[in-house]
C-alpha cells in the first residue's frame, strides 16, 4: 500500500515538473519570437528612414541642379544683352576721348566719366557673371572700394564726403558686399534724382554687433512716400536677406536719406588700423 502511494506521488511530481518545463519552454519560445519580430521591425524602420533620407537628398540635388542651371541661363542672358552694350559704350567713349586729344583738346569731364563708369561696369558685370557660374560666391566688392565709389560720384557731378565711425574690422563677405552695393545705389540715386548741385554724405559706423551705413543728400528730395524702384527694392531685398533693416525717405532737412543696419556676428574680426574710403580732406 505504501509502495503504491509512493509510486502515485512520484508520477504526479513528474507530471508537475513536465508542466513547468513545458511552460518555461513556451516562455522562451515567446521571447525568441518577440525578439525576432522586434529586430525585423527595427530593420524595417531603418529602411524607411533611409528611403526618406535618400528621397530628401534627391530632391535637394534636383533643386540645386535646377538653381545652377537657372544661374547659368541668367549669366548667358546678361552676357549676351549687357556686356555687348557696355563694351560699345566704352569703345565709343574711348574713341571720342582719343579724337579730342588728337585735335589738341581736353576731353570733357563727362566723357571721361562715361569711359571710367563703363570700364567699372564691365568689370563688375564680368565679376557678377563669374559669381553666377561659381555658385553664388561673393565677388570681392566691399567697403575697401568705397573711395572708388566716391570718385565716380564726384566725376558724375555729385560731391561726396565720407565719415567712418568706430574701429574698422574685417566683415563677413556678404555683409561687406551688401554695404558696398547700398552706397553704390544710393549715390547713383543722388546723381539721378538729387537735382543740380546735390551733394552726398556717406556715414559708415562700426559697432560691436551691427554695421550701419547711411547716405544723405541735400538735393530736391522726394515725395513723402516715394514709389520704390528696382534699385530701392533690390537694396531692401539684399539687406533683409542678411537679417538687416533699411529705411529710405525724405531727410529731416530736405533731400533724401537711406539708412541700413546690418547685424554682425561676434567673431566679425579684430579692428584694423586703416579705414576704407577715408582720404585727406574728408572728415
C-alpha atoms as a PDB file:
ATOM      1  CA  UNK A   1       0.000   0.000   0.000  1.00  0.00           C
ATOM      2  CA  UNK A   2       2.713   2.387   0.954  1.00  0.00           C
ATOM      3  CA  UNK A   3       4.663   1.416  -2.123  1.00  0.00           C
ATOM      4  CA  UNK A   4       1.678   2.166  -4.390  1.00  0.00           C
ATOM      5  CA  UNK A   5       1.147   5.579  -2.746  1.00  0.00           C
ATOM      6  CA  UNK A   6       4.804   6.416  -3.263  1.00  0.00           C
ATOM      7  CA  UNK A   7       4.630   5.484  -6.890  1.00  0.00           C
ATOM      8  CA  UNK A   8       1.500   7.643  -7.369  1.00  0.00           C
ATOM      9  CA  UNK A   9       3.168  10.623  -5.699  1.00  0.00           C
ATOM     10  CA  UNK A  10       6.242  10.241  -7.874  1.00  0.00           C
ATOM     11  CA  UNK A  11       4.081  10.126 -11.003  1.00  0.00           C
ATOM     12  CA  UNK A  12       2.292  13.326 -10.006  1.00  0.00           C
ATOM     13  CA  UNK A  13       5.580  15.084  -9.266  1.00  0.00           C
ATOM     14  CA  UNK A  14       6.912  14.037 -12.651  1.00  0.00           C
ATOM     15  CA  UNK A  15       3.811  15.427 -14.339  1.00  0.00           C
ATOM     16  CA  UNK A  16       4.186  18.763 -12.477  1.00  0.00           C
ATOM     17  CA  UNK A  17       7.821  19.062 -13.466  1.00  0.00           C
ATOM     18  CA  UNK A  18       6.860  18.360 -17.065  1.00  0.00           C
ATOM     19  CA  UNK A  19       4.281  21.118 -16.987  1.00  0.00           C
ATOM     20  CA  UNK A  20       6.795  23.559 -15.549  1.00  0.00           C
ATOM     21  CA  UNK A  21       9.345  22.585 -18.162  1.00  0.00           C
ATOM     22  CA  UNK A  22       6.754  22.990 -20.915  1.00  0.00           C
ATOM     23  CA  UNK A  23       5.726  26.393 -19.551  1.00  0.00           C
ATOM     24  CA  UNK A  24       9.345  27.550 -19.385  1.00  0.00           C
ATOM     25  CA  UNK A  25       9.938  26.346 -22.926  1.00  0.00           C
ATOM     26  CA  UNK A  26       6.844  28.268 -24.072  1.00  0.00           C
ATOM     27  CA  UNK A  27       8.112  31.450 -22.461  1.00  0.00           C
ATOM     28  CA  UNK A  28      11.497  31.022 -24.103  1.00  0.00           C
ATOM     29  CA  UNK A  29       9.904  30.472 -27.493  1.00  0.00           C
ATOM     30  CA  UNK A  30       7.689  33.547 -26.983  1.00  0.00           C
ATOM     31  CA  UNK A  31      10.690  35.666 -26.025  1.00  0.00           C
ATOM     32  CA  UNK A  32      12.577  34.455 -29.074  1.00  0.00           C
ATOM     33  CA  UNK A  33       9.672  35.246 -31.399  1.00  0.00           C
ATOM     34  CA  UNK A  34       9.279  38.690 -29.789  1.00  0.00           C
ATOM     35  CA  UNK A  35      12.999  39.425 -30.187  1.00  0.00           C
ATOM     36  CA  UNK A  36      12.960  38.369 -33.841  1.00  0.00           C
ATOM     37  CA  UNK A  37       9.827  40.464 -34.505  1.00  0.00           C
ATOM     38  CA  UNK A  38      11.414  43.494 -32.803  1.00  0.00           C
ATOM     39  CA  UNK A  39      14.610  43.157 -34.825  1.00  0.00           C
ATOM     40  CA  UNK A  40      12.592  42.866 -38.026  1.00  0.00           C
ATOM     41  CA  UNK A  41      10.568  45.943 -37.068  1.00  0.00           C
ATOM     42  CA  UNK A  42      13.732  47.943 -36.339  1.00  0.00           C
ATOM     43  CA  UNK A  43      15.199  46.885 -39.683  1.00  0.00           C
ATOM     44  CA  UNK A  44      12.013  47.982 -41.429  1.00  0.00           C
ATOM     45  CA  UNK A  45      12.065  51.358 -39.640  1.00  0.00           C
ATOM     46  CA  UNK A  46      15.716  51.917 -40.589  1.00  0.00           C
ATOM     47  CA  UNK A  47      14.916  51.048 -44.189  1.00  0.00           C
ATOM     48  CA  UNK A  48      12.005  53.516 -44.246  1.00  0.00           C
ATOM     49  CA  UNK A  49      14.169  56.243 -42.694  1.00  0.00           C
ATOM     50  CA  UNK A  50      16.934  55.575 -45.202  1.00  0.00           C
ATOM     51  CA  UNK A  51      14.461  55.790 -48.075  1.00  0.00           C
ATOM     52  CA  UNK A  52      13.168  59.114 -46.723  1.00  0.00           C
ATOM     53  CA  UNK A  53      16.709  60.476 -46.417  1.00  0.00           C
ATOM     54  CA  UNK A  54      17.548  59.325 -49.936  1.00  0.00           C
ATOM     55  CA  UNK A  55      14.373  60.931 -51.286  1.00  0.00           C
ATOM     56  CA  UNK A  56      15.122  64.215 -49.493  1.00  0.00           C
ATOM     57  CA  UNK A  57      18.720  64.164 -50.718  1.00  0.00           C
ATOM     58  CA  UNK A  58      17.496  63.538 -54.241  1.00  0.00           C
ATOM     59  CA  UNK A  59      15.062  66.465 -54.012  1.00  0.00           C
ATOM     60  CA  UNK A  60      17.846  68.734 -52.718  1.00  0.00           C
ATOM     61  CA  UNK A  61      20.152  67.654 -55.523  1.00  0.00           C
ATOM     62  CA  UNK A  62      17.457  68.244 -58.126  1.00  0.00           C
ATOM     63  CA  UNK A  63      16.667  71.684 -56.683  1.00  0.00           C
ATOM     64  CA  UNK A  64      20.359  72.560 -56.565  1.00  0.00           C
ATOM     65  CA  UNK A  65      20.881  71.424 -60.137  1.00  0.00           C
ATOM     66  CA  UNK A  66      17.926  73.496 -61.294  1.00  0.00           C
ATOM     67  CA  UNK A  67      19.259  76.517 -59.416  1.00  0.00           C
ATOM     68  CA  UNK A  68      22.666  76.099 -61.068  1.00  0.00           C
ATOM     69  CA  UNK A  69      21.041  75.780 -64.476  1.00  0.00           C
ATOM     70  CA  UNK A  70      18.999  78.921 -63.827  1.00  0.00           C
ATOM     71  CA  UNK A  71      22.098  80.872 -62.756  1.00  0.00           C
ATOM     72  CA  UNK A  72      23.898  79.773 -65.896  1.00  0.00           C
ATOM     73  CA  UNK A  73      20.926  80.833 -68.002  1.00  0.00           C
ATOM     74  CA  UNK A  74      20.868  84.248 -66.331  1.00  0.00           C
ATOM     75  CA  UNK A  75      24.627  84.576 -66.820  1.00  0.00           C
ATOM     76  CA  UNK A  76      24.262  83.853 -70.528  1.00  0.00           C
ATOM     77  CA  UNK A  77      21.417  86.350 -70.864  1.00  0.00           C
ATOM     78  CA  UNK A  78      23.380  89.062 -69.042  1.00  0.00           C
ATOM     79  CA  UNK A  79      26.451  88.372 -71.125  1.00  0.00           C
ATOM     80  CA  UNK A  80      24.550  88.463 -74.406  1.00  0.00           C
ATOM     81  CA  UNK A  81      22.495  91.567 -73.588  1.00  0.00           C
ATOM     82  CA  UNK A  82      24.549  93.821 -71.310  1.00  0.00           C
ATOM     83  CA  UNK A  83      28.190  93.013 -71.960  1.00  0.00           C
ATOM     84  CA  UNK A  84      27.942  93.931 -75.632  1.00  0.00           C
ATOM     85  CA  UNK A  85      26.156  97.222 -74.950  1.00  0.00           C
ATOM     86  CA  UNK A  86      28.574  98.257 -72.200  1.00  0.00           C
ATOM     87  CA  UNK A  87      31.534  97.363 -74.380  1.00  0.00           C
ATOM     88  CA  UNK A  88      30.153  99.530 -77.193  1.00  0.00           C
ATOM     89  CA  UNK A  89      29.722 102.463 -74.789  1.00  0.00           C
ATOM     90  CA  UNK A  90      33.248 102.005 -73.516  1.00  0.00           C
ATOM     91  CA  UNK A  91      34.741 101.853 -77.010  1.00  0.00           C
ATOM     92  CA  UNK A  92      32.766 104.864 -78.259  1.00  0.00           C
ATOM     93  CA  UNK A  93      33.760 106.945 -75.249  1.00  0.00           C
ATOM     94  CA  UNK A  94      37.396 105.949 -75.696  1.00  0.00           C
ATOM     95  CA  UNK A  95      37.348 106.848 -79.381  1.00  0.00           C
ATOM     96  CA  UNK A  96      35.743 110.228 -78.641  1.00  0.00           C
ATOM     97  CA  UNK A  97      38.357 110.991 -75.972  1.00  0.00           C
ATOM     98  CA  UNK A  98      41.154 109.942 -78.328  1.00  0.00           C
ATOM     99  CA  UNK A  99      39.842 112.149 -81.151  1.00  0.00           C
ATOM    100  CA  UNK A 100      39.553 115.106 -78.770  1.00  0.00           C
ATOM    101  CA  UNK A 101      43.176 114.722 -77.681  1.00  0.00           C
ATOM    102  CA  UNK A 102      44.226 114.269 -81.301  1.00  0.00           C
ATOM    103  CA  UNK A 103      42.671 117.670 -82.068  1.00  0.00           C
ATOM    104  CA  UNK A 104      44.624 119.163 -79.181  1.00  0.00           C
ATOM    105  CA  UNK A 105      41.555 119.468 -76.972  1.00  0.00           C
ATOM    106  CA  UNK A 106      40.986 118.195 -73.471  1.00  0.00           C
ATOM    107  CA  UNK A 107      38.183 115.592 -73.390  1.00  0.00           C
ATOM    108  CA  UNK A 108      35.103 116.807 -71.486  1.00  0.00           C
ATOM    109  CA  UNK A 109      34.923 115.508 -67.886  1.00  0.00           C
ATOM    110  CA  UNK A 110      31.540 113.953 -68.613  1.00  0.00           C
ATOM    111  CA  UNK A 111      33.065 111.911 -71.436  1.00  0.00           C
ATOM    112  CA  UNK A 112      35.876 110.695 -69.183  1.00  0.00           C
ATOM    113  CA  UNK A 113      33.334 109.841 -66.505  1.00  0.00           C
ATOM    114  CA  UNK A 114      31.372 107.765 -69.051  1.00  0.00           C
ATOM    115  CA  UNK A 115      34.549 105.961 -70.074  1.00  0.00           C
ATOM    116  CA  UNK A 116      35.509 105.214 -66.462  1.00  0.00           C
ATOM    117  CA  UNK A 117      31.966 104.186 -65.473  1.00  0.00           C
ATOM    118  CA  UNK A 118      31.660 101.847 -68.444  1.00  0.00           C
ATOM    119  CA  UNK A 119      35.025 100.283 -67.599  1.00  0.00           C
ATOM    120  CA  UNK A 120      33.937  99.713 -63.999  1.00  0.00           C
ATOM    121  CA  UNK A 121      30.538  98.435 -65.133  1.00  0.00           C
ATOM    122  CA  UNK A 122      32.164  95.942 -67.490  1.00  0.00           C
ATOM    123  CA  UNK A 123      34.485  94.756 -64.725  1.00  0.00           C
ATOM    124  CA  UNK A 124      31.640  94.354 -62.229  1.00  0.00           C
ATOM    125  CA  UNK A 125      29.468  92.603 -64.796  1.00  0.00           C
ATOM    126  CA  UNK A 126      32.225  90.104 -65.517  1.00  0.00           C
ATOM    127  CA  UNK A 127      32.663  89.597 -61.789  1.00  0.00           C
ATOM    128  CA  UNK A 128      28.917  89.053 -61.371  1.00  0.00           C
ATOM    129  CA  UNK A 129      28.866  86.549 -64.216  1.00  0.00           C
ATOM    130  CA  UNK A 130      31.733  84.685 -62.560  1.00  0.00           C
ATOM    131  CA  UNK A 131      29.739  84.619 -59.321  1.00  0.00           C
ATOM    132  CA  UNK A 132      26.720  83.151 -61.097  1.00  0.00           C
ATOM    133  CA  UNK A 133      28.884  80.468 -62.631  1.00  0.00           C
ATOM    134  CA  UNK A 134      30.708  79.758 -59.352  1.00  0.00           C
ATOM    135  CA  UNK A 135      27.587  79.018 -57.310  1.00  0.00           C
ATOM    136  CA  UNK A 136      26.974  82.466 -55.816  1.00  0.00           C
ATOM    137  CA  UNK A 137      30.271  83.280 -54.099  1.00  0.00           C
ATOM    138  CA  UNK A 138      30.930  86.935 -53.159  1.00  0.00           C
ATOM    139  CA  UNK A 139      32.571  88.889 -55.981  1.00  0.00           C
ATOM    140  CA  UNK A 140      35.081  90.912 -53.957  1.00  0.00           C
ATOM    141  CA  UNK A 141      33.338  94.310 -53.978  1.00  0.00           C
ATOM    142  CA  UNK A 142      33.345  95.708 -50.451  1.00  0.00           C
ATOM    143  CA  UNK A 143      33.902  98.820 -48.411  1.00  0.00           C
ATOM    144  CA  UNK A 144      37.594  98.766 -49.332  1.00  0.00           C
ATOM    145  CA  UNK A 145      36.415 100.125 -52.701  1.00  0.00           C
ATOM    146  CA  UNK A 146      34.442 102.953 -51.122  1.00  0.00           C
ATOM    147  CA  UNK A 147      36.949 105.531 -52.369  1.00  0.00           C
ATOM    148  CA  UNK A 148      36.313 104.379 -55.937  1.00  0.00           C
ATOM    149  CA  UNK A 149      32.572 104.953 -55.498  1.00  0.00           C
ATOM    150  CA  UNK A 150      33.215 108.449 -54.151  1.00  0.00           C
ATOM    151  CA  UNK A 151      35.485 109.294 -57.086  1.00  0.00           C
ATOM    152  CA  UNK A 152      32.880 108.039 -59.529  1.00  0.00           C
ATOM    153  CA  UNK A 153      30.132 110.071 -57.849  1.00  0.00           C
ATOM    154  CA  UNK A 154      32.251 113.221 -57.960  1.00  0.00           C
ATOM    155  CA  UNK A 155      33.039 112.602 -61.631  1.00  0.00           C
ATOM    156  CA  UNK A 156      29.284 112.422 -62.211  1.00  0.00           C
ATOM    157  CA  UNK A 157      28.862 115.830 -60.543  1.00  0.00           C
ATOM    158  CA  UNK A 158      27.903 114.714 -57.022  1.00  0.00           C
ATOM    159  CA  UNK A 159      30.339 115.997 -54.376  1.00  0.00           C
ATOM    160  CA  UNK A 160      30.530 113.411 -51.613  1.00  0.00           C
ATOM    161  CA  UNK A 161      32.129 113.193 -48.195  1.00  0.00           C
ATOM    162  CA  UNK A 162      32.775 110.114 -46.108  1.00  0.00           C
ATOM    163  CA  UNK A 163      32.702 109.715 -42.358  1.00  0.00           C
ATOM    164  CA  UNK A 164      33.648 106.459 -40.669  1.00  0.00           C
ATOM    165  CA  UNK A 165      32.777 105.906 -37.004  1.00  0.00           C
ATOM    166  CA  UNK A 166      34.229 103.150 -34.857  1.00  0.00           C
ATOM    167  CA  UNK A 167      37.093 100.745 -35.460  1.00  0.00           C
ATOM    168  CA  UNK A 168      37.088  99.116 -38.819  1.00  0.00           C
ATOM    169  CA  UNK A 169      37.425  95.330 -38.785  1.00  0.00           C
ATOM    170  CA  UNK A 170      37.074  92.547 -41.328  1.00  0.00           C
ATOM    171  CA  UNK A 171      33.452  91.945 -42.246  1.00  0.00           C
ATOM    172  CA  UNK A 172      31.694  88.820 -43.482  1.00  0.00           C
ATOM    173  CA  UNK A 173      31.914  88.906 -47.303  1.00  0.00           C
ATOM    174  CA  UNK A 174      28.144  89.057 -47.792  1.00  0.00           C
ATOM    175  CA  UNK A 175      27.804  91.988 -45.345  1.00  0.00           C
ATOM    176  CA  UNK A 176      30.766  93.818 -46.880  1.00  0.00           C
ATOM    177  CA  UNK A 177      29.342  93.428 -50.370  1.00  0.00           C
ATOM    178  CA  UNK A 178      25.837  94.473 -49.285  1.00  0.00           C
ATOM    179  CA  UNK A 179      27.195  97.663 -47.679  1.00  0.00           C
ATOM    180  CA  UNK A 180      29.105  98.455 -50.872  1.00  0.00           C
ATOM    181  CA  UNK A 181      26.013  97.956 -53.033  1.00  0.00           C
ATOM    182  CA  UNK A 182      23.884 100.131 -50.759  1.00  0.00           C
ATOM    183  CA  UNK A 183      26.342 103.035 -51.029  1.00  0.00           C
ATOM    184  CA  UNK A 184      26.659 102.496 -54.776  1.00  0.00           C
ATOM    185  CA  UNK A 185      22.912 102.539 -55.365  1.00  0.00           C
ATOM    186  CA  UNK A 186      22.313 105.477 -53.019  1.00  0.00           C
ATOM    187  CA  UNK A 187      24.964 107.618 -54.744  1.00  0.00           C
ATOM    188  CA  UNK A 188      23.543 106.645 -58.130  1.00  0.00           C
ATOM    189  CA  UNK A 189      20.101 107.798 -56.986  1.00  0.00           C
ATOM    190  CA  UNK A 190      21.543 111.118 -55.843  1.00  0.00           C
ATOM    191  CA  UNK A 191      23.045 111.647 -59.310  1.00  0.00           C
ATOM    192  CA  UNK A 192      19.743 110.735 -60.971  1.00  0.00           C
ATOM    193  CA  UNK A 193      17.189 112.409 -58.739  1.00  0.00           C
ATOM    194  CA  UNK A 194      19.007 114.850 -56.468  1.00  0.00           C
ATOM    195  CA  UNK A 195      18.993 117.665 -58.962  1.00  0.00           C
ATOM    196  CA  UNK A 196      21.782 120.100 -59.901  1.00  0.00           C
ATOM    197  CA  UNK A 197      24.285 120.824 -57.157  1.00  0.00           C
ATOM    198  CA  UNK A 198      23.178 117.975 -54.892  1.00  0.00           C
ATOM    199  CA  UNK A 199      25.897 116.728 -52.530  1.00  0.00           C
ATOM    200  CA  UNK A 200      26.003 113.492 -50.580  1.00  0.00           C
ATOM    201  CA  UNK A 201      27.317 112.408 -47.195  1.00  0.00           C
ATOM    202  CA  UNK A 202      28.217 108.788 -46.548  1.00  0.00           C
ATOM    203  CA  UNK A 203      28.425 107.618 -42.942  1.00  0.00           C
ATOM    204  CA  UNK A 204      29.716 104.152 -42.041  1.00  0.00           C
ATOM    205  CA  UNK A 205      29.512 103.143 -38.369  1.00  0.00           C
ATOM    206  CA  UNK A 206      31.144 100.023 -36.943  1.00  0.00           C
ATOM    207  CA  UNK A 207      29.519  98.809 -33.719  1.00  0.00           C
ATOM    208  CA  UNK A 208      30.020  95.632 -31.713  1.00  0.00           C
ATOM    209  CA  UNK A 209      27.105  93.735 -33.260  1.00  0.00           C
ATOM    210  CA  UNK A 210      25.980  95.996 -36.112  1.00  0.00           C
ATOM    211  CA  UNK A 211      27.218  97.830 -39.180  1.00  0.00           C
ATOM    212  CA  UNK A 212      25.309 100.983 -40.074  1.00  0.00           C
ATOM    213  CA  UNK A 213      25.521 102.667 -43.464  1.00  0.00           C
ATOM    214  CA  UNK A 214      23.736 105.952 -44.087  1.00  0.00           C
ATOM    215  CA  UNK A 215      23.743 108.104 -47.218  1.00  0.00           C
ATOM    216  CA  UNK A 216      22.156 111.577 -47.063  1.00  0.00           C
ATOM    217  CA  UNK A 217      21.925 114.216 -49.747  1.00  0.00           C
ATOM    218  CA  UNK A 218      20.830 117.833 -49.823  1.00  0.00           C
ATOM    219  CA  UNK A 219      19.082 117.634 -53.187  1.00  0.00           C
ATOM    220  CA  UNK A 220      15.494 118.294 -54.035  1.00  0.00           C
ATOM    221  CA  UNK A 221      14.334 115.244 -52.096  1.00  0.00           C
ATOM    222  CA  UNK A 222      11.396 113.025 -52.868  1.00  0.00           C
ATOM    223  CA  UNK A 223       7.703 112.812 -52.048  1.00  0.00           C
ATOM    224  CA  UNK A 224       6.695 111.712 -48.566  1.00  0.00           C
ATOM    225  CA  UNK A 225       6.024 108.202 -49.881  1.00  0.00           C
ATOM    226  CA  UNK A 226       8.373 107.641 -52.832  1.00  0.00           C
ATOM    227  CA  UNK A 227       7.491 104.874 -55.208  1.00  0.00           C
ATOM    228  CA  UNK A 228      10.163 102.189 -54.804  1.00  0.00           C
ATOM    229  CA  UNK A 229      12.091 101.439 -57.965  1.00  0.00           C
ATOM    230  CA  UNK A 230      14.192  98.427 -58.812  1.00  0.00           C
ATOM    231  CA  UNK A 231      17.232  99.933 -57.081  1.00  0.00           C
ATOM    232  CA  UNK A 232      15.496 100.517 -53.759  1.00  0.00           C
ATOM    233  CA  UNK A 233      13.698  97.185 -53.944  1.00  0.00           C
ATOM    234  CA  UNK A 234      16.947  95.387 -54.679  1.00  0.00           C
ATOM    235  CA  UNK A 235      18.654  97.114 -51.750  1.00  0.00           C
ATOM    236  CA  UNK A 236      15.871  96.134 -49.387  1.00  0.00           C
ATOM    237  CA  UNK A 237      15.851  92.506 -50.543  1.00  0.00           C
ATOM    238  CA  UNK A 238      19.622  92.271 -50.141  1.00  0.00           C
ATOM    239  CA  UNK A 239      19.531  93.784 -46.644  1.00  0.00           C
ATOM    240  CA  UNK A 240      16.539  91.767 -45.403  1.00  0.00           C
ATOM    241  CA  UNK A 241      18.166  88.556 -46.630  1.00  0.00           C
ATOM    242  CA  UNK A 242      21.012  89.258 -44.177  1.00  0.00           C
ATOM    243  CA  UNK A 243      18.640  89.986 -41.298  1.00  0.00           C
ATOM    244  CA  UNK A 244      19.080  93.766 -41.525  1.00  0.00           C
ATOM    245  CA  UNK A 245      16.784  96.751 -41.902  1.00  0.00           C
ATOM    246  CA  UNK A 246      16.547  99.550 -44.446  1.00  0.00           C
ATOM    247  CA  UNK A 247      14.891 102.939 -44.016  1.00  0.00           C
ATOM    248  CA  UNK A 248      14.607 105.273 -47.001  1.00  0.00           C
ATOM    249  CA  UNK A 249      12.713 108.521 -47.331  1.00  0.00           C
ATOM    250  CA  UNK A 250      12.927 112.315 -47.228  1.00  0.00           C
ATOM    251  CA  UNK A 251      15.562 113.674 -44.874  1.00  0.00           C
ATOM    252  CA  UNK A 252      14.783 115.879 -41.880  1.00  0.00           C
ATOM    253  CA  UNK A 253      16.469 118.878 -43.524  1.00  0.00           C
ATOM    254  CA  UNK A 254      15.385 118.114 -47.070  1.00  0.00           C
ATOM    255  CA  UNK A 255      16.980 115.839 -49.585  1.00  0.00           C
ATOM    256  CA  UNK A 256      16.780 112.090 -49.302  1.00  0.00           C
ATOM    257  CA  UNK A 257      18.180 109.639 -46.766  1.00  0.00           C
ATOM    258  CA  UNK A 258      18.975 105.927 -46.939  1.00  0.00           C
ATOM    259  CA  UNK A 259      19.925 104.142 -43.725  1.00  0.00           C
ATOM    260  CA  UNK A 260      20.841 100.465 -43.482  1.00  0.00           C
ATOM    261  CA  UNK A 261      21.642  98.417 -40.379  1.00  0.00           C
ATOM    262  CA  UNK A 262      23.299  95.027 -40.885  1.00  0.00           C
ATOM    263  CA  UNK A 263      23.861  92.592 -38.000  1.00  0.00           C
ATOM    264  CA  UNK A 264      27.402  91.384 -37.351  1.00  0.00           C
ATOM    265  CA  UNK A 265      28.499  88.141 -35.696  1.00  0.00           C
ATOM    266  CA  UNK A 266      30.539  88.332 -32.517  1.00  0.00           C
ATOM    267  CA  UNK A 267      33.593  86.949 -34.286  1.00  0.00           C
ATOM    268  CA  UNK A 268      33.486  89.512 -37.108  1.00  0.00           C
ATOM    269  CA  UNK A 269      37.205  90.134 -36.628  1.00  0.00           C
ATOM    270  CA  UNK A 270      39.641  92.374 -34.822  1.00  0.00           C
ATOM    271  CA  UNK A 271      39.886  96.106 -35.508  1.00  0.00           C
ATOM    272  CA  UNK A 272      42.370  97.205 -38.152  1.00  0.00           C
ATOM    273  CA  UNK A 273      44.137 100.493 -38.427  1.00  0.00           C
ATOM    274  CA  UNK A 274      43.108 101.830 -41.812  1.00  0.00           C
ATOM    275  CA  UNK A 275      39.596 102.938 -42.654  1.00  0.00           C
ATOM    276  CA  UNK A 276      38.125 102.278 -46.105  1.00  0.00           C
ATOM    277  CA  UNK A 277      37.198 105.278 -48.146  1.00  0.00           C
ATOM    278  CA  UNK A 278      38.872 107.864 -45.903  1.00  0.00           C
ATOM    279  CA  UNK A 279      41.346 110.142 -47.642  1.00  0.00           C
ATOM    280  CA  UNK A 280      42.894 113.513 -46.977  1.00  0.00           C
ATOM    281  CA  UNK A 281      40.385 116.301 -46.966  1.00  0.00           C
ATOM    282  CA  UNK A 282      37.463 114.114 -45.887  1.00  0.00           C
ATOM    283  CA  UNK A 283      36.015 114.104 -42.423  1.00  0.00           C
END
